[in-house]
Structures are given as C-alpha cells and as structure tokens.
Amino acid sequence: MNHGTPMTTSRRISAAALYAAALTAAAAVAAGCASPQLYAAGQQWQRNECRKLPPAEQDRCLKSTAMSFEEYQREAAAARVPR
C-alpha cells in the first residue's frame, strides 16, 4: 500500500542532517551560548553526512556547511533582535 511518494534515501539523510543540525543549534541557544568547538563539531558531523549522499548532491550539501562560526554568531544575533 503506497501512502504517497516514498522519500528517497538521500532526502532522508538530508532531512536527518538538517534536523540534527537544528537540534544542535537549539541546544546551544538554550544553553545561552555556542562555543566554536561545538559549532565545529556540528559542521564536521554535517560534512560527514553530506559525504553519504550521491555525488551529484554532495556539493550542494557541503556548501551549506561553509558558514564560519563568526557568521553564525552574527546571524543568530540578528535573529534575536526584536522587530
């Protein structure tokens, strides 16, 4: 019985990687800070997940891991500013 379009393996990995990265970021925010070491560990984990994807998808995935810790901090600070 088909319940819609099945998710491909690469999409499952990609979705899992994004979910795990979001959980890592949320934990860091909940702790009130994110250390460069924690950020680097999350980035490395995401790169490892990207390498599990088919070659055609790896480049796009790896580009998403290119943000430096300083850029991440600026974006996080901007997101916290009340509008």
PDB file of N, CA and C in Angstrom:
ATOM      1  N   MET A   1       0.843  -1.171   0.000  1.00  0.00           N
ATOM      2  CA  MET A   1       0.000   0.000   0.000  1.00  0.00           C
ATOM      3  C   MET A   1       0.890   1.236   0.000  1.00  0.00           C
ATOM      4  N   ASN A   2       0.702   2.100  -0.954  1.00  0.00           N
ATOM      5  CA  ASN A   2       1.531   3.302  -1.095  1.00  0.00           C
ATOM      6  C   ASN A   2       0.830   4.481  -0.430  1.00  0.00           C
ATOM      7  N   HIS A   3       1.492   5.107   0.511  1.00  0.00           N
ATOM      8  CA  HIS A   3       0.944   6.268   1.216  1.00  0.00           C
ATOM      9  C   HIS A   3       1.620   7.539   0.733  1.00  0.00           C
ATOM     10  N   GLY A   4       1.618   7.777  -0.548  1.00  0.00           N
ATOM     11  CA  GLY A   4       2.278   8.958  -1.093  1.00  0.00           C
ATOM     12  C   GLY A   4       3.619   8.588  -1.677  1.00  0.00           C
ATOM     13  N   THR A   5       4.339   9.577  -2.099  1.00  0.00           N
ATOM     14  CA  THR A   5       5.632   9.362  -2.715  1.00  0.00           C
ATOM     15  C   THR A   5       6.654   8.997  -1.645  1.00  0.00           C
ATOM     16  N   PRO A   6       7.329   7.867  -1.800  1.00  0.00           N
ATOM     17  CA  PRO A   6       8.328   7.499  -0.805  1.00  0.00           C
ATOM     18  C   PRO A   6       9.509   8.457  -0.852  1.00  0.00           C
ATOM     19  N   MET A   7      10.068   8.724   0.296  1.00  0.00           N
ATOM     20  CA  MET A   7      11.206   9.623   0.390  1.00  0.00           C
ATOM     21  C   MET A   7      12.455   8.859  -0.022  1.00  0.00           C
ATOM     22  N   THR A   8      13.277   9.443  -0.862  1.00  0.00           N
ATOM     23  CA  THR A   8      14.495   8.777  -1.283  1.00  0.00           C
ATOM     24  C   THR A   8      15.475   8.745  -0.121  1.00  0.00           C
ATOM     25  N   THR A   9      16.442   7.842  -0.211  1.00  0.00           N
ATOM     26  CA  THR A   9      17.445   7.732   0.839  1.00  0.00           C
ATOM     27  C   THR A   9      18.191   9.038   1.020  1.00  0.00           C
ATOM     28  N   SER A  10      18.560   9.696  -0.076  1.00  0.00           N
ATOM     29  CA  SER A  10      19.315  10.947   0.039  1.00  0.00           C
ATOM     30  C   SER A  10      18.483  12.023   0.724  1.00  0.00           C
ATOM     31  N   ARG A  11      17.201  12.057   0.456  1.00  0.00           N
ATOM     32  CA  ARG A  11      16.352  13.049   1.120  1.00  0.00           C
ATOM     33  C   ARG A  11      16.213  12.735   2.593  1.00  0.00           C
ATOM     34  N   ARG A  12      16.151  11.455   2.955  1.00  0.00           N
ATOM     35  CA  ARG A  12      16.071  11.084   4.358  1.00  0.00           C
ATOM     36  C   ARG A  12      17.340  11.494   5.083  1.00  0.00           C
ATOM     37  N   ILE A  13      18.491  11.267   4.466  1.00  0.00           N
ATOM     38  CA  ILE A  13      19.755  11.653   5.081  1.00  0.00           C
ATOM     39  C   ILE A  13      19.818  13.163   5.201  1.00  0.00           C
ATOM     40  N   SER A  14      19.439  13.853   4.149  1.00  0.00           N
ATOM     41  CA  SER A  14      19.484  15.300   4.167  1.00  0.00           C
ATOM     42  C   SER A  14      18.534  15.854   5.227  1.00  0.00           C
ATOM     43  N   ALA A  15      17.334  15.319   5.303  1.00  0.00           N
ATOM     44  CA  ALA A  15      16.375  15.765   6.307  1.00  0.00           C
ATOM     45  C   ALA A  15      16.890  15.448   7.703  1.00  0.00           C
ATOM     46  N   ALA A  16      17.486  14.285   7.875  1.00  0.00           N
ATOM     47  CA  ALA A  16      18.032  13.914   9.178  1.00  0.00           C
ATOM     48  C   ALA A  16      19.193  14.827   9.553  1.00  0.00           C
ATOM     49  N   ALA A  17      20.028  15.171   8.582  1.00  0.00           N
ATOM     50  CA  ALA A  17      21.156  16.058   8.856  1.00  0.00           C
ATOM     51  C   ALA A  17      20.673  17.440   9.261  1.00  0.00           C
ATOM     52  N   LEU A  18      19.680  17.951   8.560  1.00  0.00           N
ATOM     53  CA  LEU A  18      19.140  19.260   8.905  1.00  0.00           C
ATOM     54  C   LEU A  18      18.480  19.238  10.276  1.00  0.00           C
ATOM     55  N   TYR A  19      17.766  18.170  10.576  1.00  0.00           N
ATOM     56  CA  TYR A  19      17.110  18.040  11.871  1.00  0.00           C
ATOM     57  C   TYR A  19      18.144  17.993  12.998  1.00  0.00           C
ATOM     58  N   ALA A  20      19.188  17.209  12.803  1.00  0.00           N
ATOM     59  CA  ALA A  20      20.227  17.103  13.825  1.00  0.00           C
ATOM     60  C   ALA A  20      20.963  18.430  13.999  1.00  0.00           C
ATOM     61  N   ALA A  21      21.227  19.114  12.898  1.00  0.00           N
ATOM     62  CA  ALA A  21      21.889  20.418  12.991  1.00  0.00           C
ATOM     63  C   ALA A  21      21.000  21.413  13.719  1.00  0.00           C
ATOM     64  N   ALA A  22      19.705  21.361  13.453  1.00  0.00           N
ATOM     65  CA  ALA A  22      18.771  22.260  14.131  1.00  0.00           C
ATOM     66  C   ALA A  22      18.718  21.945  15.622  1.00  0.00           C
ATOM     67  N   LEU A  23      18.726  20.665  15.973  1.00  0.00           N
ATOM     68  CA  LEU A  23      18.724  20.293  17.388  1.00  0.00           C
ATOM     69  C   LEU A  23      20.003  20.754  18.084  1.00  0.00           C
ATOM     70  N   THR A  24      21.129  20.627  17.406  1.00  0.00           N
ATOM     71  CA  THR A  24      22.395  21.075  17.970  1.00  0.00           C
ATOM     72  C   THR A  24      22.371  22.576  18.193  1.00  0.00           C
ATOM     73  N   ALA A  25      21.888  23.309  17.209  1.00  0.00           N
ATOM     74  CA  ALA A  25      21.804  24.766  17.332  1.00  0.00           C
ATOM     75  C   ALA A  25      20.835  25.157  18.443  1.00  0.00           C
ATOM     76  N   ALA A  26      19.705  24.468  18.527  1.00  0.00           N
ATOM     77  CA  ALA A  26      18.717  24.774  19.565  1.00  0.00           C
ATOM     78  C   ALA A  26      19.291  24.509  20.953  1.00  0.00           C
ATOM     79  N   ALA A  27      20.054  23.440  21.082  1.00  0.00           N
ATOM     80  CA  ALA A  27      20.671  23.135  22.376  1.00  0.00           C
ATOM     81  C   ALA A  27      21.670  24.221  22.763  1.00  0.00           C
ATOM     82  N   ALA A  28      22.424  24.698  21.791  1.00  0.00           N
ATOM     83  CA  ALA A  28      23.394  25.756  22.060  1.00  0.00           C
ATOM     84  C   ALA A  28      22.689  27.049  22.460  1.00  0.00           C
ATOM     85  N   VAL A  29      21.608  27.370  21.771  1.00  0.00           N
ATOM     86  CA  VAL A  29      20.848  28.578  22.091  1.00  0.00           C
ATOM     87  C   VAL A  29      20.218  28.436  23.470  1.00  0.00           C
ATOM     88  N   ALA A  30      19.679  27.262  23.758  1.00  0.00           N
ATOM     89  CA  ALA A  30      19.060  27.031  25.062  1.00  0.00           C
ATOM     90  C   ALA A  30      20.083  27.151  26.187  1.00  0.00           C
ATOM     91  N   ALA A  31      21.309  26.777  25.900  1.00  0.00           N
ATOM     92  CA  ALA A  31      22.372  26.892  26.894  1.00  0.00           C
ATOM     93  C   ALA A  31      22.857  28.335  27.012  1.00  0.00           C
ATOM     94  N   GLY A  32      22.422  29.186  26.110  1.00  0.00           N
ATOM     95  CA  GLY A  32      22.786  30.600  26.171  1.00  0.00           C
ATOM     96  C   GLY A  32      24.052  30.936  25.419  1.00  0.00           C
ATOM     97  N   CYS A  33      24.690  29.951  24.849  1.00  0.00           N
ATOM     98  CA  CYS A  33      25.911  30.228  24.098  1.00  0.00           C
ATOM     99  C   CYS A  33      26.214  29.059  23.184  1.00  0.00           C
ATOM    100  N   ALA A  34      27.092  29.316  22.268  1.00  0.00           N
ATOM    101  CA  ALA A  34      27.588  28.249  21.397  1.00  0.00           C
ATOM    102  C   ALA A  34      29.088  28.443  21.286  1.00  0.00           C
ATOM    103  N   SER A  35      29.814  27.440  21.660  1.00  0.00           N
ATOM    104  CA  SER A  35      31.260  27.559  21.579  1.00  0.00           C
ATOM    105  C   SER A  35      31.727  27.252  20.161  1.00  0.00           C
ATOM    106  N   PRO A  36      32.859  27.812  19.787  1.00  0.00           N
ATOM    107  CA  PRO A  36      33.412  27.477  18.463  1.00  0.00           C
ATOM    108  C   PRO A  36      33.648  25.972  18.301  1.00  0.00           C
ATOM    109  N   GLN A  37      34.011  25.300  19.381  1.00  0.00           N
ATOM    110  CA  GLN A  37      34.263  23.859  19.304  1.00  0.00           C
ATOM    111  C   GLN A  37      32.972  23.092  19.032  1.00  0.00           C
ATOM    112  N   LEU A  38      31.893  23.483  19.700  1.00  0.00           N
ATOM    113  CA  LEU A  38      30.612  22.830  19.475  1.00  0.00           C
ATOM    114  C   LEU A  38      30.140  23.070  18.048  1.00  0.00           C
ATOM    115  N   TYR A  39      30.285  24.296  17.585  1.00  0.00           N
ATOM    116  CA  TYR A  39      29.882  24.638  16.215  1.00  0.00           C
ATOM    117  C   TYR A  39      30.705  23.823  15.210  1.00  0.00           C
ATOM    118  N   ALA A  40      32.007  23.752  15.417  1.00  0.00           N
ATOM    119  CA  ALA A  40      32.879  22.999  14.510  1.00  0.00           C
ATOM    120  C   ALA A  40      32.511  21.517  14.492  1.00  0.00           C
ATOM    121  N   ALA A  41      32.175  20.973  15.648  1.00  0.00           N
ATOM    122  CA  ALA A  41      31.779  19.563  15.715  1.00  0.00           C
ATOM    123  C   ALA A  41      30.498  19.333  14.920  1.00  0.00           C
ATOM    124  N   GLY A  42      29.547  20.248  15.045  1.00  0.00           N
ATOM    125  CA  GLY A  42      28.310  20.131  14.282  1.00  0.00           C
ATOM    126  C   GLY A  42      28.557  20.239  12.795  1.00  0.00           C
ATOM    127  N   GLN A  43      29.429  21.157  12.399  1.00  0.00           N
ATOM    128  CA  GLN A  43      29.756  21.320  10.985  1.00  0.00           C
ATOM    129  C   GLN A  43      30.433  20.059  10.446  1.00  0.00           C
ATOM    130  N   GLN A  44      31.342  19.487  11.222  1.00  0.00           N
ATOM    131  CA  GLN A  44      32.033  18.273  10.779  1.00  0.00           C
ATOM    132  C   GLN A  44      31.052  17.115  10.642  1.00  0.00           C
ATOM    133  N   TRP A  45      30.135  16.996  11.582  1.00  0.00           N
ATOM    134  CA  TRP A  45      29.132  15.941  11.510  1.00  0.00           C
ATOM    135  C   TRP A  45      28.304  16.114  10.238  1.00  0.00           C
ATOM    136  N   GLN A  46      27.903  17.352   9.956  1.00  0.00           N
ATOM    137  CA  GLN A  46      27.100  17.602   8.761  1.00  0.00           C
ATOM    138  C   GLN A  46      27.895  17.271   7.497  1.00  0.00           C
ATOM    139  N   ARG A  47      29.181  17.619   7.455  1.00  0.00           N
ATOM    140  CA  ARG A  47      30.013  17.273   6.292  1.00  0.00           C
ATOM    141  C   ARG A  47      30.065  15.763   6.094  1.00  0.00           C
ATOM    142  N   ASN A  48      30.206  15.029   7.196  1.00  0.00           N
ATOM    143  CA  ASN A  48      30.231  13.564   7.102  1.00  0.00           C
ATOM    144  C   ASN A  48      28.921  13.038   6.533  1.00  0.00           C
ATOM    145  N   GLU A  49      27.800  13.631   6.936  1.00  0.00           N
ATOM    146  CA  GLU A  49      26.501  13.223   6.400  1.00  0.00           C
ATOM    147  C   GLU A  49      26.406  13.566   4.918  1.00  0.00           C
ATOM    148  N   CYS A  50      26.948  14.712   4.527  1.00  0.00           N
ATOM    149  CA  CYS A  50      26.927  15.105   3.115  1.00  0.00           C
ATOM    150  C   CYS A  50      27.663  14.081   2.251  1.00  0.00           C
ATOM    151  N   ARG A  51      28.742  13.546   2.762  1.00  0.00           N
ATOM    152  CA  ARG A  51      29.549  12.589   2.001  1.00  0.00           C
ATOM    153  C   ARG A  51      28.833  11.262   1.793  1.00  0.00           C
ATOM    154  N   LYS A  52      27.752  11.036   2.511  1.00  0.00           N
ATOM    155  CA  LYS A  52      26.962   9.818   2.331  1.00  0.00           C
ATOM    156  C   LYS A  52      25.966   9.955   1.183  1.00  0.00           C
ATOM    157  N   LEU A  53      25.792  11.177   0.693  1.00  0.00           N
ATOM    158  CA  LEU A  53      24.846  11.442  -0.388  1.00  0.00           C
ATOM    159  C   LEU A  53      25.448  11.062  -1.738  1.00  0.00           C
ATOM    160  N   PRO A  54      24.597  10.902  -2.744  1.00  0.00           N
ATOM    161  CA  PRO A  54      25.120  10.662  -4.097  1.00  0.00           C
ATOM    162  C   PRO A  54      25.998  11.845  -4.520  1.00  0.00           C
ATOM    163  N   PRO A  55      27.026  11.593  -5.331  1.00  0.00           N
ATOM    164  CA  PRO A  55      27.962  12.659  -5.732  1.00  0.00           C
ATOM    165  C   PRO A  55      27.286  13.917  -6.268  1.00  0.00           C
ATOM    166  N   ALA A  56      26.206  13.754  -6.985  1.00  0.00           N
ATOM    167  CA  ALA A  56      25.529  14.919  -7.562  1.00  0.00           C
ATOM    168  C   ALA A  56      24.950  15.846  -6.489  1.00  0.00           C
ATOM    169  N   GLU A  57      24.680  15.328  -5.299  1.00  0.00           N
ATOM    170  CA  GLU A  57      24.088  16.133  -4.224  1.00  0.00           C
ATOM    171  C   GLU A  57      25.107  16.599  -3.192  1.00  0.00           C
ATOM    172  N   GLN A  58      26.287  16.007  -3.199  1.00  0.00           N
ATOM    173  CA  GLN A  58      27.284  16.322  -2.184  1.00  0.00           C
ATOM    174  C   GLN A  58      27.732  17.777  -2.209  1.00  0.00           C
ATOM    175  N   ASP A  59      27.946  18.337  -3.387  1.00  0.00           N
ATOM    176  CA  ASP A  59      28.458  19.704  -3.490  1.00  0.00           C
ATOM    177  C   ASP A  59      27.505  20.700  -2.849  1.00  0.00           C
ATOM    178  N   ARG A  60      26.213  20.590  -3.172  1.00  0.00           N
ATOM    179  CA  ARG A  60      25.207  21.495  -2.597  1.00  0.00           C
ATOM    180  C   ARG A  60      25.169  21.348  -1.084  1.00  0.00           C
ATOM    181  N   CYS A  61      25.219  20.124  -0.625  1.00  0.00           N
ATOM    182  CA  CYS A  61      25.175  19.858   0.811  1.00  0.00           C
ATOM    183  C   CYS A  61      26.413  20.422   1.510  1.00  0.00           C
ATOM    184  N   LEU A  62      27.591  20.187   0.926  1.00  0.00           N
ATOM    185  CA  LEU A  62      28.828  20.678   1.539  1.00  0.00           C
ATOM    186  C   LEU A  62      28.880  22.200   1.572  1.00  0.00           C
ATOM    187  N   LYS A  63      28.302  22.858   0.569  1.00  0.00           N
ATOM    188  CA  LYS A  63      28.271  24.324   0.571  1.00  0.00           C
ATOM    189  C   LYS A  63      27.479  24.851   1.764  1.00  0.00           C
ATOM    190  N   SER A  64      26.497  24.084   2.217  1.00  0.00           N
ATOM    191  CA  SER A  64      25.684  24.525   3.353  1.00  0.00           C
ATOM    192  C   SER A  64      26.463  24.473   4.667  1.00  0.00           C
ATOM    193  N   THR A  65      27.655  23.875   4.645  1.00  0.00           N
ATOM    194  CA  THR A  65      28.471  23.789   5.866  1.00  0.00           C
ATOM    195  C   THR A  65      29.589  24.826   5.876  1.00  0.00           C
ATOM    196  N   ALA A  66      29.560  25.758   4.945  1.00  0.00           N
ATOM    197  CA  ALA A  66      30.675  26.690   4.779  1.00  0.00           C
ATOM    198  C   ALA A  66      30.616  27.918   5.695  1.00  0.00           C
ATOM    199  N   MET A  67      29.528  28.128   6.425  1.00  0.00           N
ATOM    200  CA  MET A  67      29.404  29.317   7.262  1.00  0.00           C
ATOM    201  C   MET A  67      30.372  29.247   8.446  1.00  0.00           C
ATOM    202  N   SER A  68      31.131  30.320   8.644  1.00  0.00           N
ATOM    203  CA  SER A  68      32.063  30.363   9.772  1.00  0.00           C
ATOM    204  C   SER A  68      31.296  30.572  11.072  1.00  0.00           C
ATOM    205  N   PHE A  69      31.962  30.299  12.178  1.00  0.00           N
ATOM    206  CA  PHE A  69      31.343  30.499  13.490  1.00  0.00           C
ATOM    207  C   PHE A  69      30.981  31.972  13.691  1.00  0.00           C
ATOM    208  N   GLU A  70      31.835  32.861  13.221  1.00  0.00           N
ATOM    209  CA  GLU A  70      31.580  34.298  13.365  1.00  0.00           C
ATOM    210  C   GLU A  70      30.330  34.713  12.582  1.00  0.00           C
ATOM    211  N   GLU A  71      30.194  34.178  11.353  1.00  0.00           N
ATOM    212  CA  GLU A  71      28.992  34.466  10.557  1.00  0.00           C
ATOM    213  C   GLU A  71      27.749  33.930  11.266  1.00  0.00           C
ATOM    214  N   TYR A  72      27.886  32.721  11.810  1.00  0.00           N
ATOM    215  CA  TYR A  72      26.777  32.104  12.544  1.00  0.00           C
ATOM    216  C   TYR A  72      26.353  32.992  13.716  1.00  0.00           C
ATOM    217  N   GLN A  73      27.329  33.494  14.470  1.00  0.00           N
ATOM    218  CA  GLN A  73      27.015  34.359  15.611  1.00  0.00           C
ATOM    219  C   GLN A  73      26.306  35.632  15.168  1.00  0.00           C
ATOM    220  N   ARG A  74      26.763  36.233  14.067  1.00  0.00           N
ATOM    221  CA  ARG A  74      26.111  37.463  13.569  1.00  0.00           C
ATOM    222  C   ARG A  74      24.671  37.181  13.168  1.00  0.00           C
ATOM    223  N   GLU A  75      24.457  36.092  12.451  1.00  0.00           N
ATOM    224  CA  GLU A  75      23.093  35.750  12.029  1.00  0.00           C
ATOM    225  C   GLU A  75      22.203  35.426  13.222  1.00  0.00           C
ATOM    226  N   ALA A  76      22.751  34.718  14.202  1.00  0.00           N
ATOM    227  CA  ALA A  76      21.976  34.384  15.396  1.00  0.00           C
ATOM    228  C   ALA A  76      21.613  35.640  16.168  1.00  0.00           C
ATOM    229  N   ALA A  77      22.558  36.569  16.287  1.00  0.00           N
ATOM    230  CA  ALA A  77      22.295  37.828  16.991  1.00  0.00           C
ATOM    231  C   ALA A  77      21.239  38.647  16.257  1.00  0.00           C
ATOM    232  N   ALA A  78      21.307  38.676  14.943  1.00  0.00           N
ATOM    233  CA  ALA A  78      20.323  39.416  14.158  1.00  0.00           C
ATOM    234  C   ALA A  78      18.934  38.808  14.298  1.00  0.00           C
ATOM    235  N   ALA A  79      18.871  37.498  14.426  1.00  0.00           N
ATOM    236  CA  ALA A  79      17.577  36.825  14.563  1.00  0.00           C
ATOM    237  C   ALA A  79      16.948  37.104  15.932  1.00  0.00           C
ATOM    238  N   ARG A  80      17.775  37.409  16.928  1.00  0.00           N
ATOM    239  CA  ARG A  80      17.260  37.691  18.276  1.00  0.00           C
ATOM    240  C   ARG A  80      16.784  39.121  18.455  1.00  0.00           C
ATOM    241  N   VAL A  81      17.138  40.000  17.527  1.00  0.00           N
ATOM    242  CA  VAL A  81      16.753  41.410  17.649  1.00  0.00           C
ATOM    243  C   VAL A  81      15.242  41.540  17.470  1.00  0.00           C
ATOM    244  N   PRO A  82      14.538  42.145  18.458  1.00  0.00           N
ATOM    245  CA  PRO A  82      13.090  42.314  18.304  1.00  0.00           C
ATOM    246  C   PRO A  82      12.774  43.244  17.134  1.00  0.00           C
ATOM    247  N   ARG A  83      11.706  42.932  16.459  1.00  0.00           N
ATOM    248  CA  ARG A  83      11.302  43.736  15.297  1.00  0.00           C
ATOM    249  C   ARG A  83      10.113  44.574  15.608  1.00  0.00           C
TER     250      ARG A  83
END
